[in-house]
Amino acid sequence: MAIRRQAAHGRVNVREKSAGDCKQKPGVIAPVVDLKRCEGKGDCVAVCPEDVFEIRRIDNADYVGLDLMHRLKLRVHGMKVAYTPNAHACRSCGLCVTACPERAITLARTA
């Protein structure tokens, strides 16, 4: 909870966490973002020591796949969500899961 509050106020020093603190080799675990829950606040970007996340406008293909309620929610929050272009670099430290105020991120084993 402390990480979530600190991330919300921009007080998290991302470099406090070293690669030695992470649990896995890169590529074993990847973060999965639930676009129905994500509000694009960027706490995941702020805390990730591996630069796995980016906040950007939701892709049209993802947007049309959502129901009306979730599309309206996205409009209210600026049409921004978290994507994981560098998911292969994830080392399963779990900081993103802890920092996300919407609980939109889970860690899953890759195929």
PDB file of N, CA and C in Angstrom:
ATOM      1  N   MET A   1       0.819  -1.190   0.000  1.00  0.00           N
ATOM      2  CA  MET A   1       0.000   0.000   0.000  1.00  0.00           C
ATOM      3  C   MET A   1       0.866   1.259   0.000  1.00  0.00           C
ATOM      4  N   ALA A   2       2.000   1.226   0.695  1.00  0.00           N
ATOM      5  CA  ALA A   2       2.862   2.401   0.750  1.00  0.00           C
ATOM      6  C   ALA A   2       3.401   2.745  -0.629  1.00  0.00           C
ATOM      7  N   ILE A   3       3.752   1.728  -1.413  1.00  0.00           N
ATOM      8  CA  ILE A   3       4.255   1.975  -2.767  1.00  0.00           C
ATOM      9  C   ILE A   3       3.180   2.642  -3.603  1.00  0.00           C
ATOM     10  N   ARG A   4       1.934   2.193  -3.473  1.00  0.00           N
ATOM     11  CA  ARG A   4       0.836   2.778  -4.237  1.00  0.00           C
ATOM     12  C   ARG A   4       0.685   4.255  -3.896  1.00  0.00           C
ATOM     13  N   ARG A   5       0.702   4.593  -2.612  1.00  0.00           N
ATOM     14  CA  ARG A   5       0.557   5.994  -2.206  1.00  0.00           C
ATOM     15  C   ARG A   5       1.738   6.826  -2.687  1.00  0.00           C
ATOM     16  N   GLN A   6       2.943   6.284  -2.564  1.00  0.00           N
ATOM     17  CA  GLN A   6       4.128   7.017  -2.992  1.00  0.00           C
ATOM     18  C   GLN A   6       4.129   7.225  -4.497  1.00  0.00           C
ATOM     19  N   ALA A   7       3.719   6.220  -5.257  1.00  0.00           N
ATOM     20  CA  ALA A   7       3.673   6.350  -6.717  1.00  0.00           C
ATOM     21  C   ALA A   7       2.660   7.411  -7.122  1.00  0.00           C
ATOM     22  N   ALA A   8       1.538   7.458  -6.426  1.00  0.00           N
ATOM     23  CA  ALA A   8       0.503   8.436  -6.748  1.00  0.00           C
ATOM     24  C   ALA A   8       0.996   9.866  -6.528  1.00  0.00           C
ATOM     25  N   HIS A   9       1.952  10.024  -5.633  1.00  0.00           N
ATOM     26  CA  HIS A   9       2.463  11.358  -5.337  1.00  0.00           C
ATOM     27  C   HIS A   9       3.844  11.603  -5.926  1.00  0.00           C
ATOM     28  N   GLY A  10       4.291  10.700  -6.785  1.00  0.00           N
ATOM     29  CA  GLY A  10       5.557  10.882  -7.477  1.00  0.00           C
ATOM     30  C   GLY A  10       6.782  10.763  -6.586  1.00  0.00           C
ATOM     31  N   ARG A  11       6.664  10.035  -5.474  1.00  0.00           N
ATOM     32  CA  ARG A  11       7.779   9.951  -4.536  1.00  0.00           C
ATOM     33  C   ARG A  11       8.502   8.611  -4.572  1.00  0.00           C
ATOM     34  N   VAL A  12       8.246   7.795  -5.540  1.00  0.00           N
ATOM     35  CA  VAL A  12       8.909   6.499  -5.610  1.00  0.00           C
ATOM     36  C   VAL A  12      10.208   6.644  -6.379  1.00  0.00           C
ATOM     37  N   ASN A  13      11.286   6.180  -5.784  1.00  0.00           N
ATOM     38  CA  ASN A  13      12.572   6.149  -6.470  1.00  0.00           C
ATOM     39  C   ASN A  13      12.666   4.795  -7.153  1.00  0.00           C
ATOM     40  N   VAL A  14      12.456   4.782  -8.456  1.00  0.00           N
ATOM     41  CA  VAL A  14      12.406   3.539  -9.218  1.00  0.00           C
ATOM     42  C   VAL A  14      13.701   2.761  -9.081  1.00  0.00           C
ATOM     43  N   ARG A  15      14.810   3.420  -8.964  1.00  0.00           N
ATOM     44  CA  ARG A  15      16.103   2.744  -8.923  1.00  0.00           C
ATOM     45  C   ARG A  15      16.402   2.120  -7.564  1.00  0.00           C
ATOM     46  N   GLU A  16      15.511   2.290  -6.564  1.00  0.00           N
ATOM     47  CA  GLU A  16      15.711   1.644  -5.271  1.00  0.00           C
ATOM     48  C   GLU A  16      15.724   0.130  -5.419  1.00  0.00           C
ATOM     49  N   LYS A  17      14.985  -0.379  -6.364  1.00  0.00           N
ATOM     50  CA  LYS A  17      14.881  -1.820  -6.570  1.00  0.00           C
ATOM     51  C   LYS A  17      15.940  -2.226  -7.579  1.00  0.00           C
ATOM     52  N   SER A  18      16.771  -3.170  -7.211  1.00  0.00           N
ATOM     53  CA  SER A  18      17.815  -3.615  -8.132  1.00  0.00           C
ATOM     54  C   SER A  18      17.379  -4.900  -8.819  1.00  0.00           C
ATOM     55  N   ALA A  19      18.053  -5.243  -9.890  1.00  0.00           N
ATOM     56  CA  ALA A  19      17.731  -6.463 -10.632  1.00  0.00           C
ATOM     57  C   ALA A  19      17.897  -7.694  -9.756  1.00  0.00           C
ATOM     58  N   GLY A  20      18.754  -7.629  -8.751  1.00  0.00           N
ATOM     59  CA  GLY A  20      18.961  -8.762  -7.851  1.00  0.00           C
ATOM     60  C   GLY A  20      17.767  -9.042  -6.962  1.00  0.00           C
ATOM     61  N   ASP A  21      16.881  -8.053  -6.779  1.00  0.00           N
ATOM     62  CA  ASP A  21      15.702  -8.225  -5.935  1.00  0.00           C
ATOM     63  C   ASP A  21      14.567  -8.949  -6.650  1.00  0.00           C
ATOM     64  N   CYS A  22      14.635  -9.058  -7.950  1.00  0.00           N
ATOM     65  CA  CYS A  22      13.551  -9.654  -8.725  1.00  0.00           C
ATOM     66  C   CYS A  22      13.616 -11.176  -8.651  1.00  0.00           C
ATOM     67  N   LYS A  23      12.466 -11.810  -8.865  1.00  0.00           N
ATOM     68  CA  LYS A  23      12.327 -13.234  -8.619  1.00  0.00           C
ATOM     69  C   LYS A  23      12.664 -14.131  -9.799  1.00  0.00           C
ATOM     70  N   GLN A  24      12.525 -13.657 -11.007  1.00  0.00           N
ATOM     71  CA  GLN A  24      12.643 -14.516 -12.187  1.00  0.00           C
ATOM     72  C   GLN A  24      13.642 -13.971 -13.190  1.00  0.00           C
ATOM     73  N   LYS A  25      14.044 -14.846 -14.076  1.00  0.00           N
ATOM     74  CA  LYS A  25      14.793 -14.412 -15.252  1.00  0.00           C
ATOM     75  C   LYS A  25      13.802 -13.709 -16.177  1.00  0.00           C
ATOM     76  N   PRO A  26      14.259 -12.775 -17.003  1.00  0.00           N
ATOM     77  CA  PRO A  26      13.356 -12.130 -17.960  1.00  0.00           C
ATOM     78  C   PRO A  26      12.725 -13.154 -18.896  1.00  0.00           C
ATOM     79  N   GLY A  27      11.445 -12.957 -19.217  1.00  0.00           N
ATOM     80  CA  GLY A  27      10.752 -13.802 -20.179  1.00  0.00           C
ATOM     81  C   GLY A  27       9.963 -14.954 -19.595  1.00  0.00           C
ATOM     82  N   VAL A  28      10.089 -15.223 -18.305  1.00  0.00           N
ATOM     83  CA  VAL A  28       9.355 -16.330 -17.682  1.00  0.00           C
ATOM     84  C   VAL A  28       7.953 -15.879 -17.283  1.00  0.00           C
ATOM     85  N   ILE A  29       7.865 -14.691 -16.721  1.00  0.00           N
ATOM     86  CA  ILE A  29       6.605 -14.103 -16.258  1.00  0.00           C
ATOM     87  C   ILE A  29       6.389 -12.799 -17.023  1.00  0.00           C
ATOM     88  N   ALA A  30       5.143 -12.511 -17.359  1.00  0.00           N
ATOM     89  CA  ALA A  30       4.822 -11.258 -18.048  1.00  0.00           C
ATOM     90  C   ALA A  30       3.613 -10.606 -17.379  1.00  0.00           C
ATOM     91  N   PRO A  31       3.609  -9.279 -17.286  1.00  0.00           N
ATOM     92  CA  PRO A  31       2.446  -8.592 -16.744  1.00  0.00           C
ATOM     93  C   PRO A  31       1.309  -8.573 -17.764  1.00  0.00           C
ATOM     94  N   VAL A  32       0.097  -8.730 -17.259  1.00  0.00           N
ATOM     95  CA  VAL A  32      -1.100  -8.683 -18.099  1.00  0.00           C
ATOM     96  C   VAL A  32      -1.968  -7.538 -17.578  1.00  0.00           C
ATOM     97  N   VAL A  33      -2.323  -6.619 -18.465  1.00  0.00           N
ATOM     98  CA  VAL A  33      -3.126  -5.453 -18.084  1.00  0.00           C
ATOM     99  C   VAL A  33      -4.571  -5.691 -18.496  1.00  0.00           C
ATOM    100  N   ASP A  34      -5.482  -5.585 -17.537  1.00  0.00           N
ATOM    101  CA  ASP A  34      -6.917  -5.693 -17.801  1.00  0.00           C
ATOM    102  C   ASP A  34      -7.396  -4.320 -18.277  1.00  0.00           C
ATOM    103  N   LEU A  35      -7.654  -4.195 -19.571  1.00  0.00           N
ATOM    104  CA  LEU A  35      -8.040  -2.902 -20.146  1.00  0.00           C
ATOM    105  C   LEU A  35      -9.398  -2.418 -19.643  1.00  0.00           C
ATOM    106  N   LYS A  36     -10.197  -3.308 -19.091  1.00  0.00           N
ATOM    107  CA  LYS A  36     -11.484  -2.896 -18.527  1.00  0.00           C
ATOM    108  C   LYS A  36     -11.300  -2.179 -17.193  1.00  0.00           C
ATOM    109  N   ARG A  37     -10.164  -2.395 -16.550  1.00  0.00           N
ATOM    110  CA  ARG A  37      -9.908  -1.778 -15.251  1.00  0.00           C
ATOM    111  C   ARG A  37      -8.912  -0.630 -15.326  1.00  0.00           C
ATOM    112  N   CYS A  38      -7.984  -0.689 -16.266  1.00  0.00           N
ATOM    113  CA  CYS A  38      -6.901   0.295 -16.342  1.00  0.00           C
ATOM    114  C   CYS A  38      -7.441   1.691 -16.655  1.00  0.00           C
ATOM    115  N   GLU A  39      -6.950   2.682 -15.899  1.00  0.00           N
ATOM    116  CA  GLU A  39      -7.321   4.079 -16.126  1.00  0.00           C
ATOM    117  C   GLU A  39      -6.137   4.904 -16.612  1.00  0.00           C
ATOM    118  N   GLY A  40      -5.029   4.258 -16.914  1.00  0.00           N
ATOM    119  CA  GLY A  40      -3.876   4.941 -17.487  1.00  0.00           C
ATOM    120  C   GLY A  40      -3.205   5.952 -16.579  1.00  0.00           C
ATOM    121  N   LYS A  41      -3.215   5.717 -15.285  1.00  0.00           N
ATOM    122  CA  LYS A  41      -2.623   6.674 -14.344  1.00  0.00           C
ATOM    123  C   LYS A  41      -1.100   6.649 -14.357  1.00  0.00           C
ATOM    124  N   GLY A  42      -0.507   5.552 -14.779  1.00  0.00           N
ATOM    125  CA  GLY A  42       0.939   5.508 -14.950  1.00  0.00           C
ATOM    126  C   GLY A  42       1.755   5.102 -13.742  1.00  0.00           C
ATOM    127  N   ASP A  43       1.115   4.652 -12.680  1.00  0.00           N
ATOM    128  CA  ASP A  43       1.882   4.208 -11.517  1.00  0.00           C
ATOM    129  C   ASP A  43       2.789   3.032 -11.873  1.00  0.00           C
ATOM    130  N   CYS A  44       2.337   2.175 -12.767  1.00  0.00           N
ATOM    131  CA  CYS A  44       3.139   1.025 -13.202  1.00  0.00           C
ATOM    132  C   CYS A  44       4.409   1.489 -13.908  1.00  0.00           C
ATOM    133  N   VAL A  45       4.289   2.516 -14.718  1.00  0.00           N
ATOM    134  CA  VAL A  45       5.449   3.069 -15.427  1.00  0.00           C
ATOM    135  C   VAL A  45       6.448   3.635 -14.419  1.00  0.00           C
ATOM    136  N   ALA A  46       5.930   4.305 -13.398  1.00  0.00           N
ATOM    137  CA  ALA A  46       6.790   4.951 -12.404  1.00  0.00           C
ATOM    138  C   ALA A  46       7.590   3.953 -11.575  1.00  0.00           C
ATOM    139  N   VAL A  47       7.018   2.796 -11.271  1.00  0.00           N
ATOM    140  CA  VAL A  47       7.697   1.867 -10.361  1.00  0.00           C
ATOM    141  C   VAL A  47       8.470   0.751 -11.045  1.00  0.00           C
ATOM    142  N   CYS A  48       8.240   0.499 -12.313  1.00  0.00           N
ATOM    143  CA  CYS A  48       8.868  -0.647 -12.985  1.00  0.00           C
ATOM    144  C   CYS A  48      10.363  -0.404 -13.227  1.00  0.00           C
ATOM    145  N   PRO A  49      11.236  -1.229 -12.630  1.00  0.00           N
ATOM    146  CA  PRO A  49      12.676  -1.047 -12.839  1.00  0.00           C
ATOM    147  C   PRO A  49      13.159  -1.555 -14.197  1.00  0.00           C
ATOM    148  N   GLU A  50      12.309  -2.266 -14.930  1.00  0.00           N
ATOM    149  CA  GLU A  50      12.701  -2.855 -16.215  1.00  0.00           C
ATOM    150  C   GLU A  50      12.088  -2.137 -17.417  1.00  0.00           C
ATOM    151  N   ASP A  51      11.378  -1.038 -17.207  1.00  0.00           N
ATOM    152  CA  ASP A  51      10.733  -0.267 -18.288  1.00  0.00           C
ATOM    153  C   ASP A  51       9.833  -1.131 -19.166  1.00  0.00           C
ATOM    154  N   VAL A  52       9.006  -1.935 -18.530  1.00  0.00           N
ATOM    155  CA  VAL A  52       8.103  -2.841 -19.237  1.00  0.00           C
ATOM    156  C   VAL A  52       6.882  -2.100 -19.777  1.00  0.00           C
ATOM    157  N   PHE A  53       6.418  -1.073 -19.070  1.00  0.00           N
ATOM    158  CA  PHE A  53       5.143  -0.423 -19.376  1.00  0.00           C
ATOM    159  C   PHE A  53       5.295   0.885 -20.136  1.00  0.00           C
ATOM    160  N   GLU A  54       4.214   1.240 -20.844  1.00  0.00           N
ATOM    161  CA  GLU A  54       4.064   2.579 -21.401  1.00  0.00           C
ATOM    162  C   GLU A  54       2.581   2.922 -21.370  1.00  0.00           C
ATOM    163  N   ILE A  55       2.293   4.201 -21.210  1.00  0.00           N
ATOM    164  CA  ILE A  55       0.910   4.682 -21.223  1.00  0.00           C
ATOM    165  C   ILE A  55       0.696   5.338 -22.573  1.00  0.00           C
ATOM    166  N   ARG A  56      -0.355   4.907 -23.260  1.00  0.00           N
ATOM    167  CA  ARG A  56      -0.666   5.507 -24.559  1.00  0.00           C
ATOM    168  C   ARG A  56      -2.163   5.380 -24.825  1.00  0.00           C
ATOM    169  N   ARG A  57      -2.590   6.032 -25.881  1.00  0.00           N
ATOM    170  CA  ARG A  57      -3.994   5.963 -26.292  1.00  0.00           C
ATOM    171  C   ARG A  57      -4.333   4.515 -26.635  1.00  0.00           C
ATOM    172  N   ILE A  58      -5.495   4.065 -26.210  1.00  0.00           N
ATOM    173  CA  ILE A  58      -5.903   2.686 -26.451  1.00  0.00           C
ATOM    174  C   ILE A  58      -6.005   2.420 -27.953  1.00  0.00           C
ATOM    175  N   ASP A  59      -5.526   1.266 -28.368  1.00  0.00           N
ATOM    176  CA  ASP A  59      -5.619   0.870 -29.774  1.00  0.00           C
ATOM    177  C   ASP A  59      -7.080   0.677 -30.155  1.00  0.00           C
ATOM    178  N   ASN A  60      -7.436   1.025 -31.381  1.00  0.00           N
ATOM    179  CA  ASN A  60      -8.817   0.919 -31.841  1.00  0.00           C
ATOM    180  C   ASN A  60      -9.345  -0.513 -31.723  1.00  0.00           C
ATOM    181  N   ALA A  61      -8.536  -1.495 -32.060  1.00  0.00           N
ATOM    182  CA  ALA A  61      -8.978  -2.894 -31.982  1.00  0.00           C
ATOM    183  C   ALA A  61      -9.336  -3.277 -30.542  1.00  0.00           C
ATOM    184  N   ASP A  62      -8.573  -2.783 -29.576  1.00  0.00           N
ATOM    185  CA  ASP A  62      -8.879  -3.057 -28.168  1.00  0.00           C
ATOM    186  C   ASP A  62     -10.125  -2.297 -27.730  1.00  0.00           C
ATOM    187  N   TYR A  63     -10.268  -1.071 -28.221  1.00  0.00           N
ATOM    188  CA  TYR A  63     -11.393  -0.224 -27.832  1.00  0.00           C
ATOM    189  C   TYR A  63     -12.729  -0.812 -28.290  1.00  0.00           C
ATOM    190  N   VAL A  64     -12.809  -1.242 -29.537  1.00  0.00           N
ATOM    191  CA  VAL A  64     -14.086  -1.759 -30.049  1.00  0.00           C
ATOM    192  C   VAL A  64     -14.460  -3.089 -29.408  1.00  0.00           C
ATOM    193  N   GLY A  65     -13.516  -3.768 -28.814  1.00  0.00           N
ATOM    194  CA  GLY A  65     -13.803  -5.027 -28.131  1.00  0.00           C
ATOM    195  C   GLY A  65     -14.398  -4.852 -26.743  1.00  0.00           C
ATOM    196  N   LEU A  66     -14.440  -3.625 -26.256  1.00  0.00           N
ATOM    197  CA  LEU A  66     -14.979  -3.353 -24.925  1.00  0.00           C
ATOM    198  C   LEU A  66     -16.471  -3.060 -24.999  1.00  0.00           C
ATOM    199  N   ASP A  67     -17.174  -3.327 -23.903  1.00  0.00           N
ATOM    200  CA  ASP A  67     -18.599  -3.000 -23.875  1.00  0.00           C
ATOM    201  C   ASP A  67     -18.775  -1.495 -23.644  1.00  0.00           C
ATOM    202  N   LEU A  68     -19.998  -1.017 -23.779  1.00  0.00           N
ATOM    203  CA  LEU A  68     -20.295   0.414 -23.718  1.00  0.00           C
ATOM    204  C   LEU A  68     -19.827   1.053 -22.412  1.00  0.00           C
ATOM    205  N   MET A  69     -20.077   0.405 -21.289  1.00  0.00           N
ATOM    206  CA  MET A  69     -19.703   0.974 -20.000  1.00  0.00           C
ATOM    207  C   MET A  69     -18.189   1.210 -19.917  1.00  0.00           C
ATOM    208  N   HIS A  70     -17.412   0.248 -20.364  1.00  0.00           N
ATOM    209  CA  HIS A  70     -15.960   0.386 -20.296  1.00  0.00           C
ATOM    210  C   HIS A  70     -15.436   1.402 -21.315  1.00  0.00           C
ATOM    211  N   ARG A  71     -16.105   1.516 -22.451  1.00  0.00           N
ATOM    212  CA  ARG A  71     -15.714   2.547 -23.422  1.00  0.00           C
ATOM    213  C   ARG A  71     -15.962   3.944 -22.854  1.00  0.00           C
ATOM    214  N   LEU A  72     -17.089   4.123 -22.173  1.00  0.00           N
ATOM    215  CA  LEU A  72     -17.382   5.415 -21.539  1.00  0.00           C
ATOM    216  C   LEU A  72     -16.364   5.725 -20.442  1.00  0.00           C
ATOM    217  N   LYS A  73     -16.019   4.721 -19.658  1.00  0.00           N
ATOM    218  CA  LYS A  73     -15.019   4.899 -18.603  1.00  0.00           C
ATOM    219  C   LYS A  73     -13.686   5.350 -19.204  1.00  0.00           C
ATOM    220  N   LEU A  74     -13.300   4.740 -20.311  1.00  0.00           N
ATOM    221  CA  LEU A  74     -12.053   5.128 -20.974  1.00  0.00           C
ATOM    222  C   LEU A  74     -12.102   6.574 -21.453  1.00  0.00           C
ATOM    223  N   ARG A  75     -13.241   6.990 -21.980  1.00  0.00           N
ATOM    224  CA  ARG A  75     -13.372   8.374 -22.445  1.00  0.00           C
ATOM    225  C   ARG A  75     -13.196   9.351 -21.288  1.00  0.00           C
ATOM    226  N   VAL A  76     -13.772   9.018 -20.151  1.00  0.00           N
ATOM    227  CA  VAL A  76     -13.652   9.869 -18.967  1.00  0.00           C
ATOM    228  C   VAL A  76     -12.189   9.989 -18.536  1.00  0.00           C
ATOM    229  N   HIS A  77     -11.437   8.915 -18.696  1.00  0.00           N
ATOM    230  CA  HIS A  77     -10.035   8.892 -18.257  1.00  0.00           C
ATOM    231  C   HIS A  77      -9.050   9.192 -19.383  1.00  0.00           C
ATOM    232  N   GLY A  78      -9.512   9.829 -20.440  1.00  0.00           N
ATOM    233  CA  GLY A  78      -8.617  10.318 -21.482  1.00  0.00           C
ATOM    234  C   GLY A  78      -8.186   9.308 -22.526  1.00  0.00           C
ATOM    235  N   MET A  79      -8.861   8.173 -22.603  1.00  0.00           N
ATOM    236  CA  MET A  79      -8.569   7.144 -23.622  1.00  0.00           C
ATOM    237  C   MET A  79      -7.152   6.585 -23.491  1.00  0.00           C
ATOM    238  N   LYS A  80      -6.544   6.691 -22.327  1.00  0.00           N
ATOM    239  CA  LYS A  80      -5.183   6.209 -22.106  1.00  0.00           C
ATOM    240  C   LYS A  80      -5.210   4.943 -21.252  1.00  0.00           C
ATOM    241  N   VAL A  81      -4.373   3.991 -21.620  1.00  0.00           N
ATOM    242  CA  VAL A  81      -4.217   2.748 -20.862  1.00  0.00           C
ATOM    243  C   VAL A  81      -2.743   2.343 -20.861  1.00  0.00           C
ATOM    244  N   ALA A  82      -2.425   1.389 -20.016  1.00  0.00           N
ATOM    245  CA  ALA A  82      -1.060   0.855 -19.965  1.00  0.00           C
ATOM    246  C   ALA A  82      -0.933  -0.306 -20.941  1.00  0.00           C
ATOM    247  N   TYR A  83       0.160  -0.298 -21.674  1.00  0.00           N
ATOM    248  CA  TYR A  83       0.526  -1.424 -22.538  1.00  0.00           C
ATOM    249  C   TYR A  83       1.898  -1.926 -22.100  1.00  0.00           C
ATOM    250  N   THR A  84       2.214  -3.143 -22.490  1.00  0.00           N
ATOM    251  CA  THR A  84       3.477  -3.766 -22.084  1.00  0.00           C
ATOM    252  C   THR A  84       4.330  -4.118 -23.302  1.00  0.00           C
ATOM    253  N   PRO A  85       4.904  -3.109 -23.968  1.00  0.00           N
ATOM    254  CA  PRO A  85       5.704  -3.402 -25.158  1.00  0.00           C
ATOM    255  C   PRO A  85       6.991  -4.161 -24.843  1.00  0.00           C
ATOM    256  N   ASN A  86       7.436  -4.082 -23.596  1.00  0.00           N
ATOM    257  CA  ASN A  86       8.659  -4.779 -23.195  1.00  0.00           C
ATOM    258  C   ASN A  86       8.364  -5.873 -22.176  1.00  0.00           C
ATOM    259  N   ALA A  87       7.247  -6.569 -22.345  1.00  0.00           N
ATOM    260  CA  ALA A  87       6.851  -7.614 -21.397  1.00  0.00           C
ATOM    261  C   ALA A  87       7.918  -8.689 -21.250  1.00  0.00           C
ATOM    262  N   HIS A  88       8.686  -8.913 -22.299  1.00  0.00           N
ATOM    263  CA  HIS A  88       9.745  -9.929 -22.259  1.00  0.00           C
ATOM    264  C   HIS A  88      10.844  -9.586 -21.250  1.00  0.00           C
ATOM    265  N   ALA A  89      10.914  -8.332 -20.816  1.00  0.00           N
ATOM    266  CA  ALA A  89      11.943  -7.905 -19.865  1.00  0.00           C
ATOM    267  C   ALA A  89      11.505  -8.046 -18.405  1.00  0.00           C
ATOM    268  N   CYS A  90      10.242  -8.384 -18.175  1.00  0.00           N
ATOM    269  CA  CYS A  90       9.709  -8.486 -16.814  1.00  0.00           C
ATOM    270  C   CYS A  90      10.462  -9.548 -16.016  1.00  0.00           C
ATOM    271  N   ARG A  91      10.814  -9.170 -14.770  1.00  0.00           N
ATOM    272  CA  ARG A  91      11.507 -10.098 -13.875  1.00  0.00           C
ATOM    273  C   ARG A  91      10.656 -10.428 -12.653  1.00  0.00           C
ATOM    274  N   SER A  92       9.374 -10.163 -12.729  1.00  0.00           N
ATOM    275  CA  SER A  92       8.409 -10.567 -11.711  1.00  0.00           C
ATOM    276  C   SER A  92       8.667  -9.986 -10.320  1.00  0.00           C
ATOM    277  N   CYS A  93       9.039  -8.717 -10.251  1.00  0.00           N
ATOM    278  CA  CYS A  93       9.258  -8.103  -8.936  1.00  0.00           C
ATOM    279  C   CYS A  93       7.928  -7.793  -8.249  1.00  0.00           C
ATOM    280  N   GLY A  94       6.857  -7.588  -9.043  1.00  0.00           N
ATOM    281  CA  GLY A  94       5.535  -7.348  -8.480  1.00  0.00           C
ATOM    282  C   GLY A  94       5.239  -5.908  -8.097  1.00  0.00           C
ATOM    283  N   LEU A  95       6.160  -4.988  -8.340  1.00  0.00           N
ATOM    284  CA  LEU A  95       5.913  -3.589  -7.985  1.00  0.00           C
ATOM    285  C   LEU A  95       4.727  -3.007  -8.735  1.00  0.00           C
ATOM    286  N   CYS A  96       4.553  -3.389  -9.985  1.00  0.00           N
ATOM    287  CA  CYS A  96       3.438  -2.866 -10.782  1.00  0.00           C
ATOM    288  C   CYS A  96       2.098  -3.314 -10.210  1.00  0.00           C
ATOM    289  N   VAL A  97       2.033  -4.563  -9.788  1.00  0.00           N
ATOM    290  CA  VAL A  97       0.796  -5.101  -9.215  1.00  0.00           C
ATOM    291  C   VAL A  97       0.441  -4.326  -7.954  1.00  0.00           C
ATOM    292  N   THR A  98       1.426  -4.065  -7.122  1.00  0.00           N
ATOM    293  CA  THR A  98       1.214  -3.339  -5.874  1.00  0.00           C
ATOM    294  C   THR A  98       0.852  -1.878  -6.122  1.00  0.00           C
ATOM    295  N   ALA A  99       1.485  -1.261  -7.107  1.00  0.00           N
ATOM    296  CA  ALA A  99       1.293   0.172  -7.347  1.00  0.00           C
ATOM    297  C   ALA A  99      -0.013   0.512  -8.047  1.00  0.00           C
ATOM    298  N   CYS A 100      -0.585  -0.400  -8.801  1.00  0.00           N
ATOM    299  CA  CYS A 100      -1.777  -0.095  -9.596  1.00  0.00           C
ATOM    300  C   CYS A 100      -2.997   0.149  -8.707  1.00  0.00           C
ATOM    301  N   PRO A 101      -3.541   1.371  -8.701  1.00  0.00           N
ATOM    302  CA  PRO A 101      -4.696   1.659  -7.854  1.00  0.00           C
ATOM    303  C   PRO A 101      -5.978   0.975  -8.326  1.00  0.00           C
ATOM    304  N   GLU A 102      -6.042   0.580  -9.589  1.00  0.00           N
ATOM    305  CA  GLU A 102      -7.237  -0.087 -10.115  1.00  0.00           C
ATOM    306  C   GLU A 102      -7.140  -1.608 -10.043  1.00  0.00           C
ATOM    307  N   ARG A 103      -5.980  -2.107  -9.616  1.00  0.00           N
ATOM    308  CA  ARG A 103      -5.719  -3.556  -9.574  1.00  0.00           C
ATOM    309  C   ARG A 103      -5.943  -4.187 -10.944  1.00  0.00           C
ATOM    310  N   ALA A 104      -5.417  -3.508 -11.951  1.00  0.00           N
ATOM    311  CA  ALA A 104      -5.609  -3.939 -13.337  1.00  0.00           C
ATOM    312  C   ALA A 104      -4.473  -4.816 -13.850  1.00  0.00           C
ATOM    313  N   ILE A 105      -3.445  -5.047 -13.035  1.00  0.00           N
ATOM    314  CA  ILE A 105      -2.274  -5.793 -13.502  1.00  0.00           C
ATOM    315  C   ILE A 105      -2.131  -7.097 -12.734  1.00  0.00           C
ATOM    316  N   THR A 106      -1.920  -8.165 -13.480  1.00  0.00           N
ATOM    317  CA  THR A 106      -1.584  -9.458 -12.895  1.00  0.00           C
ATOM    318  C   THR A 106      -0.314  -9.961 -13.569  1.00  0.00           C
ATOM    319  N   LEU A 107       0.363 -10.868 -12.915  1.00  0.00           N
ATOM    320  CA  LEU A 107       1.547 -11.491 -13.495  1.00  0.00           C
ATOM    321  C   LEU A 107       1.184 -12.909 -13.902  1.00  0.00           C
ATOM    322  N   ALA A 108       1.546 -13.283 -15.122  1.00  0.00           N
ATOM    323  CA  ALA A 108       1.206 -14.611 -15.640  1.00  0.00           C
ATOM    324  C   ALA A 108       2.428 -15.236 -16.302  1.00  0.00           C
ATOM    325  N   ARG A 109       2.524 -16.524 -16.187  1.00  0.00           N
ATOM    326  CA  ARG A 109       3.610 -17.264 -16.833  1.00  0.00           C
ATOM    327  C   ARG A 109       3.425 -17.196 -18.342  1.00  0.00           C
ATOM    328  N   THR A 110       4.512 -16.964 -19.064  1.00  0.00           N
ATOM    329  CA  THR A 110       4.432 -16.883 -20.526  1.00  0.00           C
ATOM    330  C   THR A 110       4.361 -18.277 -21.125  1.00  0.00           C
ATOM    331  N   ALA A 111       3.909 -18.342 -22.365  1.00  0.00           N
ATOM    332  CA  ALA A 111       3.740 -19.642 -23.027  1.00  0.00           C
ATOM    333  C   ALA A 111       5.050 -20.259 -23.426  1.00  0.00           C
TER     334      ALA A 111
END
